[in-house]
Amino acid sequence: MDTDITNLETEMNRGFLQILVLAALEQKMYGYRMLKFLEQTGYTVEENTLYPILRRLEKNGLIKSEWDVSGDRPKKFYLVTPLGRSVRKKALSIWEEQNDILKKIMERKSHVSKS
């Protein structure tokens, strides 16, 4: 049972994290700063989870990166692209539709159980 919940949570988090990253990157951010930003908003993610997603999103043209070497340590900053904004908008639309369907099912279930 715990394995089933863990697998379900992992699958749900994978898509959710991609939407979070696309939303967070309206402001230019480097990876570690994003980890802390997400943590401050109540979503904890591991580095070994975030960085592959950043690479995949960049490979797919949804975010772009640039290096800042002006400080003591070089930092790779990420920013959402116009394509990334479009994908985020569509993903949020899908999520809202799915959430509406779930609400209808849950409301129907509560009406049926009261009968």
N, C-alpha and C. Protein backbone atom coordinates (compact mmCIF):
# COMPACT_ATOMS: atom_id res chain seq x y z
N MET A 1 0.82 -1.20 0.00
CA MET A 1 0.00 0.00 0.00
C MET A 1 0.86 1.26 0.00
N ASP A 2 1.88 1.31 0.89
CA ASP A 2 2.76 2.48 0.94
C ASP A 2 3.48 2.68 -0.39
N THR A 3 3.89 1.59 -1.02
CA THR A 3 4.56 1.68 -2.31
C THR A 3 3.64 2.28 -3.36
N ASP A 4 2.37 1.88 -3.34
CA ASP A 4 1.41 2.42 -4.30
C ASP A 4 1.25 3.93 -4.11
N ILE A 5 1.15 4.38 -2.87
CA ILE A 5 1.01 5.81 -2.59
C ILE A 5 2.28 6.55 -2.99
N THR A 6 3.43 5.99 -2.69
CA THR A 6 4.70 6.62 -3.05
C THR A 6 4.81 6.76 -4.56
N ASN A 7 4.47 5.71 -5.30
CA ASN A 7 4.52 5.77 -6.77
C ASN A 7 3.55 6.81 -7.31
N LEU A 8 2.35 6.85 -6.76
CA LEU A 8 1.36 7.83 -7.20
C LEU A 8 1.85 9.24 -6.91
N GLU A 9 2.38 9.44 -5.71
CA GLU A 9 2.89 10.76 -5.34
C GLU A 9 4.03 11.18 -6.27
N THR A 10 4.91 10.27 -6.58
CA THR A 10 6.03 10.56 -7.48
C THR A 10 5.53 10.99 -8.85
N GLU A 11 4.57 10.26 -9.38
CA GLU A 11 4.02 10.61 -10.70
C GLU A 11 3.33 11.97 -10.67
N MET A 12 2.55 12.22 -9.63
CA MET A 12 1.84 13.49 -9.53
C MET A 12 2.84 14.66 -9.37
N ASN A 13 3.86 14.46 -8.56
CA ASN A 13 4.85 15.51 -8.32
C ASN A 13 5.65 15.85 -9.56
N ARG A 14 5.91 14.87 -10.40
CA ARG A 14 6.73 15.11 -11.60
C ARG A 14 6.10 16.19 -12.48
N GLY A 15 4.82 16.05 -12.78
CA GLY A 15 4.14 17.05 -13.61
C GLY A 15 3.96 18.36 -12.88
N PHE A 16 3.63 18.28 -11.59
CA PHE A 16 3.42 19.48 -10.80
C PHE A 16 4.69 20.30 -10.71
N LEU A 17 5.82 19.65 -10.52
CA LEU A 17 7.09 20.37 -10.41
C LEU A 17 7.43 21.09 -11.71
N GLN A 18 7.12 20.50 -12.83
CA GLN A 18 7.39 21.16 -14.11
C GLN A 18 6.58 22.45 -14.22
N ILE A 19 5.32 22.41 -13.81
CA ILE A 19 4.50 23.62 -13.83
C ILE A 19 5.06 24.66 -12.85
N LEU A 20 5.46 24.21 -11.66
CA LEU A 20 6.04 25.13 -10.68
C LEU A 20 7.28 25.82 -11.24
N VAL A 21 8.15 25.05 -11.87
CA VAL A 21 9.38 25.61 -12.44
C VAL A 21 9.04 26.64 -13.51
N LEU A 22 8.11 26.31 -14.39
CA LEU A 22 7.73 27.25 -15.45
C LEU A 22 7.10 28.51 -14.88
N ALA A 23 6.41 28.40 -13.76
CA ALA A 23 5.83 29.58 -13.10
C ALA A 23 6.90 30.38 -12.37
N ALA A 24 7.77 29.69 -11.65
CA ALA A 24 8.80 30.37 -10.87
C ALA A 24 9.79 31.12 -11.75
N LEU A 25 10.02 30.61 -12.94
CA LEU A 25 11.05 31.21 -13.80
C LEU A 25 10.56 32.41 -14.61
N GLU A 26 9.48 33.02 -14.18
CA GLU A 26 9.15 34.34 -14.72
C GLU A 26 10.22 35.32 -14.25
N GLN A 27 10.85 34.97 -13.14
CA GLN A 27 12.01 35.72 -12.65
C GLN A 27 13.23 34.85 -12.86
N LYS A 28 14.30 35.47 -13.34
CA LYS A 28 15.53 34.74 -13.57
C LYS A 28 16.05 34.20 -12.23
N MET A 29 16.40 32.91 -12.21
CA MET A 29 16.85 32.26 -10.98
C MET A 29 17.88 31.19 -11.31
N TYR A 30 18.80 30.98 -10.41
CA TYR A 30 19.73 29.84 -10.56
C TYR A 30 19.18 28.68 -9.73
N GLY A 31 19.68 27.50 -9.99
CA GLY A 31 19.10 26.27 -9.44
C GLY A 31 18.97 26.24 -7.94
N TYR A 32 20.05 26.56 -7.22
CA TYR A 32 20.00 26.50 -5.76
C TYR A 32 18.99 27.51 -5.22
N ARG A 33 18.96 28.69 -5.81
CA ARG A 33 18.00 29.71 -5.39
C ARG A 33 16.57 29.20 -5.61
N MET A 34 16.34 28.49 -6.71
CA MET A 34 15.01 27.93 -6.98
C MET A 34 14.63 26.90 -5.93
N LEU A 35 15.58 26.06 -5.54
CA LEU A 35 15.32 25.08 -4.48
C LEU A 35 14.84 25.78 -3.21
N LYS A 36 15.54 26.84 -2.83
CA LYS A 36 15.18 27.58 -1.62
C LYS A 36 13.85 28.31 -1.79
N PHE A 37 13.61 28.87 -2.96
CA PHE A 37 12.35 29.56 -3.25
C PHE A 37 11.17 28.59 -3.12
N LEU A 38 11.29 27.43 -3.73
CA LEU A 38 10.22 26.43 -3.66
C LEU A 38 10.02 25.96 -2.22
N GLU A 39 11.12 25.79 -1.51
CA GLU A 39 11.03 25.36 -0.12
C GLU A 39 10.29 26.42 0.73
N GLN A 40 10.58 27.69 0.48
CA GLN A 40 9.92 28.77 1.22
C GLN A 40 8.42 28.83 0.92
N THR A 41 8.02 28.36 -0.25
CA THR A 41 6.60 28.36 -0.59
C THR A 41 5.90 27.09 -0.14
N GLY A 42 6.66 26.17 0.48
CA GLY A 42 6.04 24.97 1.02
C GLY A 42 6.23 23.71 0.19
N TYR A 43 7.07 23.78 -0.84
CA TYR A 43 7.30 22.61 -1.69
C TYR A 43 8.78 22.25 -1.64
N THR A 44 9.09 21.14 -1.03
CA THR A 44 10.49 20.71 -0.91
C THR A 44 10.82 19.77 -2.06
N VAL A 45 11.93 20.05 -2.69
CA VAL A 45 12.40 19.21 -3.80
C VAL A 45 13.90 19.01 -3.64
N GLU A 46 14.36 17.85 -4.02
CA GLU A 46 15.78 17.52 -3.94
C GLU A 46 16.51 18.02 -5.19
N GLU A 47 17.80 18.33 -5.01
CA GLU A 47 18.61 18.78 -6.14
C GLU A 47 18.60 17.75 -7.27
N ASN A 48 18.72 16.47 -6.90
CA ASN A 48 18.79 15.43 -7.93
C ASN A 48 17.45 15.22 -8.63
N THR A 49 16.42 15.90 -8.20
CA THR A 49 15.13 15.90 -8.90
C THR A 49 15.00 17.16 -9.75
N LEU A 50 15.38 18.30 -9.19
CA LEU A 50 15.21 19.58 -9.89
C LEU A 50 16.11 19.71 -11.11
N TYR A 51 17.39 19.42 -10.96
CA TYR A 51 18.33 19.69 -12.06
C TYR A 51 18.03 18.90 -13.34
N PRO A 52 17.65 17.63 -13.26
CA PRO A 52 17.27 16.94 -14.50
C PRO A 52 16.03 17.58 -15.17
N ILE A 53 15.11 18.06 -14.36
CA ILE A 53 13.93 18.73 -14.93
C ILE A 53 14.35 20.02 -15.61
N LEU A 54 15.24 20.78 -14.99
CA LEU A 54 15.73 22.01 -15.62
C LEU A 54 16.41 21.69 -16.96
N ARG A 55 17.24 20.66 -16.98
CA ARG A 55 17.90 20.27 -18.23
C ARG A 55 16.90 19.86 -19.30
N ARG A 56 15.89 19.08 -18.90
CA ARG A 56 14.89 18.61 -19.86
C ARG A 56 14.05 19.78 -20.39
N LEU A 57 13.65 20.69 -19.51
CA LEU A 57 12.87 21.85 -19.95
C LEU A 57 13.69 22.72 -20.89
N GLU A 58 14.97 22.86 -20.60
CA GLU A 58 15.83 23.65 -21.48
C GLU A 58 16.02 22.96 -22.83
N LYS A 59 16.24 21.67 -22.80
CA LYS A 59 16.40 20.90 -24.04
C LYS A 59 15.16 21.04 -24.93
N ASN A 60 13.98 21.11 -24.29
CA ASN A 60 12.73 21.23 -25.04
C ASN A 60 12.37 22.67 -25.38
N GLY A 61 13.23 23.62 -25.03
CA GLY A 61 13.01 25.02 -25.39
C GLY A 61 12.00 25.75 -24.50
N LEU A 62 11.66 25.16 -23.35
CA LEU A 62 10.67 25.79 -22.48
C LEU A 62 11.30 26.80 -21.52
N ILE A 63 12.59 26.61 -21.25
CA ILE A 63 13.37 27.58 -20.48
C ILE A 63 14.69 27.78 -21.20
N LYS A 64 15.35 28.87 -20.86
CA LYS A 64 16.70 29.11 -21.40
C LYS A 64 17.61 29.41 -20.23
N SER A 65 18.90 29.29 -20.46
CA SER A 65 19.86 29.56 -19.39
C SER A 65 20.97 30.46 -19.88
N GLU A 66 21.60 31.10 -18.91
CA GLU A 66 22.78 31.91 -19.21
C GLU A 66 23.67 31.90 -17.97
N TRP A 67 24.95 31.93 -18.21
CA TRP A 67 25.92 31.93 -17.11
C TRP A 67 26.23 33.35 -16.68
N ASP A 68 26.33 33.54 -15.38
CA ASP A 68 26.80 34.81 -14.81
C ASP A 68 28.11 34.49 -14.11
N VAL A 69 29.20 35.02 -14.65
CA VAL A 69 30.51 34.75 -14.09
C VAL A 69 31.08 35.98 -13.39
N SER A 70 30.23 36.94 -13.09
CA SER A 70 30.71 38.19 -12.49
C SER A 70 31.05 38.06 -11.00
N GLY A 71 30.48 37.08 -10.33
CA GLY A 71 30.74 36.90 -8.90
C GLY A 71 31.89 35.96 -8.63
N ASP A 72 32.02 35.58 -7.37
CA ASP A 72 33.08 34.65 -6.97
C ASP A 72 32.90 33.28 -7.63
N ARG A 73 31.63 32.85 -7.68
CA ARG A 73 31.32 31.54 -8.26
C ARG A 73 30.36 31.73 -9.43
N PRO A 74 30.68 31.12 -10.58
CA PRO A 74 29.75 31.22 -11.71
C PRO A 74 28.40 30.59 -11.36
N LYS A 75 27.33 31.21 -11.84
CA LYS A 75 25.99 30.69 -11.61
C LYS A 75 25.24 30.61 -12.94
N LYS A 76 24.51 29.53 -13.10
CA LYS A 76 23.71 29.34 -14.30
C LYS A 76 22.28 29.77 -13.97
N PHE A 77 21.83 30.84 -14.60
CA PHE A 77 20.50 31.37 -14.38
C PHE A 77 19.54 30.84 -15.45
N TYR A 78 18.32 30.61 -15.03
CA TYR A 78 17.28 30.09 -15.93
C TYR A 78 16.14 31.09 -16.01
N LEU A 79 15.46 31.09 -17.16
CA LEU A 79 14.31 31.96 -17.39
C LEU A 79 13.36 31.26 -18.35
N VAL A 80 12.07 31.41 -18.11
CA VAL A 80 11.07 30.78 -18.98
C VAL A 80 11.09 31.46 -20.36
N THR A 81 10.85 30.70 -21.40
CA THR A 81 10.78 31.22 -22.76
C THR A 81 9.32 31.46 -23.15
N PRO A 82 9.06 32.14 -24.26
CA PRO A 82 7.67 32.29 -24.72
C PRO A 82 6.99 30.92 -24.92
N LEU A 83 7.71 29.95 -25.45
CA LEU A 83 7.15 28.61 -25.61
C LEU A 83 6.81 28.02 -24.24
N GLY A 84 7.69 28.22 -23.27
CA GLY A 84 7.45 27.73 -21.92
C GLY A 84 6.20 28.36 -21.30
N ARG A 85 5.99 29.65 -21.55
CA ARG A 85 4.78 30.32 -21.06
C ARG A 85 3.53 29.71 -21.68
N SER A 86 3.62 29.43 -22.97
CA SER A 86 2.49 28.83 -23.68
C SER A 86 2.18 27.43 -23.13
N VAL A 87 3.21 26.65 -22.93
CA VAL A 87 3.04 25.29 -22.39
C VAL A 87 2.48 25.37 -20.97
N ARG A 88 3.01 26.29 -20.18
CA ARG A 88 2.51 26.47 -18.80
C ARG A 88 1.03 26.83 -18.81
N LYS A 89 0.65 27.72 -19.68
CA LYS A 89 -0.76 28.13 -19.77
C LYS A 89 -1.65 26.94 -20.11
N LYS A 90 -1.22 26.13 -21.07
CA LYS A 90 -1.99 24.95 -21.46
C LYS A 90 -2.02 23.92 -20.32
N ALA A 91 -0.89 23.71 -19.66
CA ALA A 91 -0.83 22.75 -18.55
C ALA A 91 -1.75 23.19 -17.41
N LEU A 92 -1.77 24.48 -17.12
CA LEU A 92 -2.66 24.98 -16.07
C LEU A 92 -4.12 24.82 -16.46
N SER A 93 -4.40 25.00 -17.73
CA SER A 93 -5.77 24.81 -18.23
C SER A 93 -6.20 23.35 -18.06
N ILE A 94 -5.30 22.44 -18.41
CA ILE A 94 -5.58 21.00 -18.25
C ILE A 94 -5.80 20.69 -16.78
N TRP A 95 -4.94 21.22 -15.92
CA TRP A 95 -5.04 20.98 -14.49
C TRP A 95 -6.38 21.50 -13.94
N GLU A 96 -6.79 22.68 -14.38
CA GLU A 96 -8.07 23.24 -13.93
C GLU A 96 -9.24 22.38 -14.39
N GLU A 97 -9.20 21.90 -15.64
CA GLU A 97 -10.26 21.02 -16.15
C GLU A 97 -10.31 19.73 -15.33
N GLN A 98 -9.15 19.15 -15.07
CA GLN A 98 -9.12 17.92 -14.29
C GLN A 98 -9.62 18.15 -12.86
N ASN A 99 -9.24 19.28 -12.28
CA ASN A 99 -9.68 19.60 -10.93
C ASN A 99 -11.20 19.79 -10.89
N ASP A 100 -11.76 20.44 -11.90
CA ASP A 100 -13.22 20.61 -11.97
C ASP A 100 -13.93 19.26 -12.06
N ILE A 101 -13.39 18.36 -12.86
CA ILE A 101 -13.99 17.03 -12.99
C ILE A 101 -13.92 16.29 -11.66
N LEU A 102 -12.78 16.37 -10.99
CA LEU A 102 -12.63 15.71 -9.70
C LEU A 102 -13.63 16.28 -8.68
N LYS A 103 -13.79 17.60 -8.67
CA LYS A 103 -14.76 18.22 -7.76
C LYS A 103 -16.17 17.72 -8.03
N LYS A 104 -16.52 17.62 -9.29
CA LYS A 104 -17.87 17.12 -9.65
C LYS A 104 -18.06 15.69 -9.17
N ILE A 105 -17.05 14.88 -9.35
CA ILE A 105 -17.15 13.48 -8.91
C ILE A 105 -17.26 13.42 -7.40
N MET A 106 -16.47 14.19 -6.70
CA MET A 106 -16.50 14.17 -5.23
C MET A 106 -17.83 14.72 -4.71
N GLU A 107 -18.37 15.75 -5.36
CA GLU A 107 -19.68 16.29 -4.96
C GLU A 107 -20.77 15.25 -5.21
N ARG A 108 -20.70 14.60 -6.33
CA ARG A 108 -21.69 13.57 -6.66
C ARG A 108 -21.62 12.43 -5.65
N LYS A 109 -20.41 12.06 -5.30
CA LYS A 109 -20.20 10.99 -4.31
C LYS A 109 -20.82 11.37 -2.97
N SER A 110 -20.63 12.62 -2.55
CA SER A 110 -21.18 13.03 -1.25
C SER A 110 -22.70 13.10 -1.30
N HIS A 111 -23.28 13.46 -2.46
CA HIS A 111 -24.74 13.48 -2.60
C HIS A 111 -25.31 12.07 -2.57
N VAL A 112 -24.60 11.13 -3.21
CA VAL A 112 -25.04 9.75 -3.25
C VAL A 112 -24.98 9.14 -1.86
N SER A 113 -23.92 9.41 -1.11
CA SER A 113 -23.77 8.80 0.22
C SER A 113 -24.78 9.38 1.21
N LYS A 114 -25.30 10.58 0.97
CA LYS A 114 -26.31 11.17 1.84
C LYS A 114 -27.70 10.63 1.57
N SER A 115 -27.88 10.03 0.40
CA SER A 115 -29.20 9.52 0.02
C SER A 115 -29.56 8.27 0.72
